Amino acid sequence: MRPVQIAIYGAGGFAREVAWLVSDCAVQADPYEVVCFIDDNETTHGSMLNGVPVMGLEEAYSRFPDAKVVGGVGSPKTRQRLMEKSAAAGFGFATIVHPRVERSQWIEIGSGTVICAGNILTTNIVLGQHVQINLDCTVGHDVIMGDYVTLAPGVHISGYVHLGQRAYVGTGAVIINGTRDASLVIGDDVVIGAGACVVKSVPAGLTVIGVPAKPLKRS
């Protein structure tokens, strides 16, 4: 079987981690091949990153029109912009789930989503498009994540939590459970700081930090 060609949009640290993730999937589960990193920074074009060429979007599509793009950028807003550029250029998207992810069969996973090694997803979970779940997170029952949600490493989300589009949850943060009748809601574009403990719903656009998590005061 011919490997599915993967183009990773981004050329930073997380992009290199995604390349490792894809290579692990290729060995253990699916026939994938990382063919390039895509970078908007022209000074990197023509270089090699861990043995893989770096190029611009137009060159990538010209050379690898059948490749599937995977987002290699942690910022939700930036990732959305890059994925929209990729779609406009003609690319489709790949969904990458590391073989060392524990999950039930009752999970919906949107196109372009990346789930890294060591995660546990329980049951009746819905993930939107281009979600990123970094290393060693746990996601409880009846969680819904909107498009471009990002979980940094070591995040723990309890049951009946609804995360809006582009929400970002920092390293080691915890979100306690909602209920069947009243989900705990994290609004669109919310940023939850590293190590925070979220005990109630957070309105759209806020940054919250601390234990318990409270809105960040601007000086």
Protein backbone atom coordinates (compact mmCIF):
# COMPACT_ATOMS: atom_id res chain seq x y z
CA MET A 1 0.00 0.00 0.00
CA ARG A 2 1.33 3.43 -0.94
CA PRO A 3 1.91 5.60 2.15
CA VAL A 4 -0.30 8.64 2.68
CA GLN A 5 1.88 11.70 2.21
CA ILE A 6 1.76 14.13 5.14
CA ALA A 7 2.73 17.81 4.96
CA ILE A 8 3.11 19.46 8.38
CA TYR A 9 2.26 23.15 8.45
CA GLY A 10 4.78 24.68 10.82
CA ALA A 11 8.50 24.24 11.40
CA GLY A 12 8.91 24.76 15.13
CA GLY A 13 9.12 22.48 18.11
CA PHE A 14 5.59 21.12 18.02
CA ALA A 15 5.82 20.55 14.26
CA ARG A 16 8.83 18.30 14.90
CA GLU A 17 6.84 16.46 17.57
CA VAL A 18 4.00 15.94 15.10
CA ALA A 19 6.49 14.49 12.62
CA TRP A 20 7.56 11.97 15.26
CA LEU A 21 3.90 11.22 15.98
CA VAL A 22 3.23 10.56 12.30
CA SER A 23 6.30 8.33 11.99
CA ASP A 24 5.16 6.30 15.00
CA CYS A 25 1.73 5.86 13.42
CA ALA A 26 3.36 4.80 10.16
CA VAL A 27 5.34 2.09 11.90
CA GLN A 28 2.59 0.78 14.14
CA ALA A 29 -0.76 1.50 12.53
CA ASP A 30 -1.13 3.42 9.27
CA PRO A 31 1.06 3.89 6.18
CA TYR A 32 2.14 7.54 6.50
CA GLU A 33 5.14 9.44 5.16
CA VAL A 34 6.10 12.98 6.18
CA VAL A 35 7.15 14.63 2.92
CA CYS A 36 7.69 18.24 4.01
CA PHE A 37 7.31 20.97 6.57
CA ILE A 38 5.49 24.07 5.33
CA ASP A 39 6.73 27.39 6.68
CA ASP A 40 5.67 30.93 5.81
CA ASN A 41 9.16 32.17 6.76
CA GLU A 42 10.97 32.27 3.42
CA THR A 43 14.41 32.21 5.07
CA THR A 44 13.82 28.55 6.03
CA HIS A 45 12.86 27.39 2.54
CA GLY A 46 15.31 24.89 1.08
CA SER A 47 16.60 23.81 4.48
CA MET A 48 16.18 20.41 6.10
CA LEU A 49 14.55 19.80 9.48
CA ASN A 50 15.28 16.38 10.98
CA GLY A 51 15.85 15.08 7.49
CA VAL A 52 12.64 16.55 6.01
CA PRO A 53 12.63 19.50 3.57
CA VAL A 54 11.11 22.86 4.51
CA MET A 55 9.24 24.82 1.84
CA GLY A 56 6.47 27.32 1.23
CA LEU A 57 2.83 26.48 0.70
CA GLU A 58 2.82 26.93 -3.09
CA GLU A 59 5.89 24.73 -3.57
CA ALA A 60 4.46 22.09 -1.25
CA TYR A 61 1.25 21.86 -3.26
CA SER A 62 3.16 21.86 -6.55
CA ARG A 63 5.38 18.96 -5.44
CA PHE A 64 2.93 17.04 -3.28
CA PRO A 65 -0.63 17.79 -4.47
CA ASP A 66 -1.97 14.54 -2.99
CA ALA A 67 -0.49 15.15 0.45
CA LYS A 68 -2.68 15.69 3.49
CA VAL A 69 -1.87 18.63 5.76
CA VAL A 70 -1.57 18.39 9.53
CA GLY A 71 -1.29 21.48 11.73
CA GLY A 72 2.01 21.75 13.58
CA VAL A 73 1.31 25.02 15.40
CA GLY A 74 0.00 25.23 18.96
CA SER A 75 -1.72 28.63 18.76
CA PRO A 76 -5.40 28.01 17.91
CA LYS A 77 -5.89 31.27 16.01
CA THR A 78 -2.70 30.82 14.00
CA ARG A 79 -3.56 27.20 13.27
CA GLN A 80 -6.99 28.19 11.99
CA ARG A 81 -5.45 30.75 9.66
CA LEU A 82 -2.93 28.23 8.33
CA MET A 83 -5.49 25.49 7.84
CA GLU A 84 -7.76 27.88 5.96
CA LYS A 85 -4.79 28.82 3.73
CA SER A 86 -4.10 25.12 3.14
CA ALA A 87 -7.69 24.45 2.12
CA ALA A 88 -7.67 27.44 -0.23
CA ALA A 89 -4.49 26.08 -1.83
CA GLY A 90 -6.24 22.76 -2.52
CA PHE A 91 -4.97 20.55 0.30
CA GLY A 92 -7.04 18.10 2.30
CA PHE A 93 -6.32 17.14 5.90
CA ALA A 94 -5.24 14.08 7.85
CA THR A 95 -6.39 13.02 11.30
CA ILE A 96 -3.52 11.59 13.36
CA VAL A 97 -4.04 9.50 16.52
CA HIS A 98 -1.00 7.93 18.16
CA PRO A 99 -1.27 4.16 18.67
CA ARG A 100 -0.58 4.66 22.39
CA VAL A 101 -3.88 6.50 22.94
CA GLU A 102 -6.54 4.75 25.00
CA ARG A 103 -10.08 5.50 23.83
CA SER A 104 -13.51 3.95 23.60
CA GLN A 105 -15.42 3.41 20.38
CA TRP A 106 -17.88 6.18 21.30
CA ILE A 107 -15.73 9.12 20.25
CA GLU A 108 -16.23 11.42 17.26
CA ILE A 109 -13.01 12.93 15.90
CA GLY A 110 -13.06 15.81 13.43
CA SER A 111 -10.84 16.16 10.38
CA GLY A 112 -7.29 17.38 10.99
CA THR A 113 -7.28 16.51 14.68
CA VAL A 114 -3.99 15.45 16.30
CA ILE A 115 -3.94 13.27 19.44
CA CYS A 116 -0.47 12.63 20.83
CA ALA A 117 0.90 9.69 22.81
CA GLY A 118 -0.26 8.80 26.30
CA ASN A 119 -3.75 10.27 26.23
CA ILE A 120 -6.88 8.65 27.64
CA LEU A 121 -10.30 9.55 26.20
CA THR A 122 -13.21 7.75 27.83
CA THR A 123 -16.67 7.75 26.25
CA ASN A 124 -19.24 9.86 24.37
CA ILE A 125 -16.72 12.54 23.47
CA VAL A 126 -16.96 14.87 20.45
CA LEU A 127 -13.85 16.54 19.04
CA GLY A 128 -14.18 19.22 16.37
CA GLN A 129 -11.89 19.86 13.44
CA HIS A 130 -8.17 20.54 13.92
CA VAL A 131 -8.23 19.89 17.66
CA GLN A 132 -4.81 19.27 19.25
CA ILE A 133 -4.42 17.09 22.35
CA ASN A 134 -0.81 17.06 23.47
CA LEU A 135 0.96 14.42 25.59
CA ASP A 136 -0.57 12.66 28.62
CA CYS A 137 -3.99 14.30 28.91
CA THR A 138 -7.22 12.74 30.17
CA VAL A 139 -10.65 13.60 28.78
CA GLY A 140 -13.75 12.41 30.59
CA HIS A 141 -17.21 11.39 29.43
CA ASP A 142 -19.53 13.72 27.51
CA VAL A 143 -16.86 16.30 26.74
CA ILE A 144 -17.34 18.42 23.61
CA MET A 145 -14.45 20.35 22.05
CA GLY A 146 -15.04 22.93 19.34
CA ASP A 147 -12.81 23.42 16.31
CA TYR A 148 -9.17 24.30 16.99
CA VAL A 149 -9.29 23.58 20.73
CA THR A 150 -5.78 22.98 22.08
CA LEU A 151 -4.77 21.01 25.17
CA ALA A 152 -1.16 21.41 26.26
CA PRO A 153 0.59 18.45 27.95
CA GLY A 154 -0.85 16.99 31.14
CA VAL A 155 -4.33 18.56 31.01
CA HIS A 156 -7.19 16.79 32.81
CA ILE A 157 -10.81 17.46 31.82
CA SER A 158 -13.64 15.87 33.77
CA GLY A 159 -17.06 14.90 32.42
CA TYR A 160 -19.74 17.19 30.99
CA VAL A 161 -17.38 19.98 29.92
CA HIS A 162 -17.94 21.95 26.71
CA LEU A 163 -14.96 23.86 25.25
CA GLY A 164 -15.69 26.49 22.62
CA GLN A 165 -13.75 27.15 19.45
CA ARG A 166 -10.07 28.01 19.76
CA ALA A 167 -10.00 27.50 23.54
CA TYR A 168 -6.45 26.93 24.80
CA VAL A 169 -5.78 24.94 27.99
CA GLY A 170 -2.27 25.32 29.40
CA THR A 171 0.09 22.65 30.69
CA GLY A 172 -1.13 20.80 33.76
CA ALA A 173 -4.46 22.62 34.00
CA VAL A 174 -7.53 20.87 35.42
CA ILE A 175 -11.21 21.44 34.60
CA ILE A 176 -13.72 19.93 37.04
CA ASN A 177 -16.91 18.29 35.87
CA GLY A 178 -20.24 19.78 34.93
CA THR A 179 -23.46 17.82 35.12
CA ARG A 180 -25.83 16.17 32.67
CA ASP A 181 -28.23 19.12 33.01
CA ALA A 182 -25.60 21.88 33.20
CA SER A 183 -22.30 21.38 31.42
CA LEU A 184 -19.34 23.45 32.56
CA VAL A 185 -18.75 25.74 29.56
CA ILE A 186 -15.44 27.19 28.44
CA GLY A 187 -16.24 29.91 25.91
CA ASP A 188 -14.69 30.58 22.52
CA ASP A 189 -11.10 31.90 22.59
CA VAL A 190 -10.66 31.34 26.34
CA VAL A 191 -7.08 30.84 27.56
CA ILE A 192 -6.61 28.75 30.69
CA GLY A 193 -3.20 29.25 32.26
CA ALA A 194 -0.77 26.47 33.09
CA GLY A 195 -1.59 24.72 36.35
CA ALA A 196 -4.98 26.40 36.75
CA CYS A 197 -7.98 24.65 38.28
CA VAL A 198 -11.23 25.67 36.61
CA VAL A 199 -14.25 25.16 38.88
CA LYS A 200 -16.93 27.10 36.99
CA SER A 201 -17.83 28.19 33.47
CA VAL A 202 -15.65 30.82 31.78
CA PRO A 203 -17.11 33.43 29.39
CA ALA A 204 -15.71 33.79 25.90
CA GLY A 205 -12.44 35.62 25.41
CA LEU A 206 -11.17 35.58 28.99
CA THR A 207 -7.79 34.43 30.26
CA VAL A 208 -8.00 32.69 33.63
CA ILE A 209 -5.19 31.60 35.96
CA GLY A 210 -4.67 30.17 39.41
CA VAL A 211 -6.39 27.82 41.85
CA PRO A 212 -9.28 28.28 41.67
CA ALA A 213 -9.00 29.90 38.25
CA LYS A 214 -9.89 33.59 38.10
CA PRO A 215 -9.70 36.17 35.31
CA LEU A 216 -6.25 37.60 34.72
CA LYS A 217 -6.11 41.23 35.83
CA ARG A 218 -4.62 43.54 33.25
CA SER A 219 -2.23 46.21 34.56
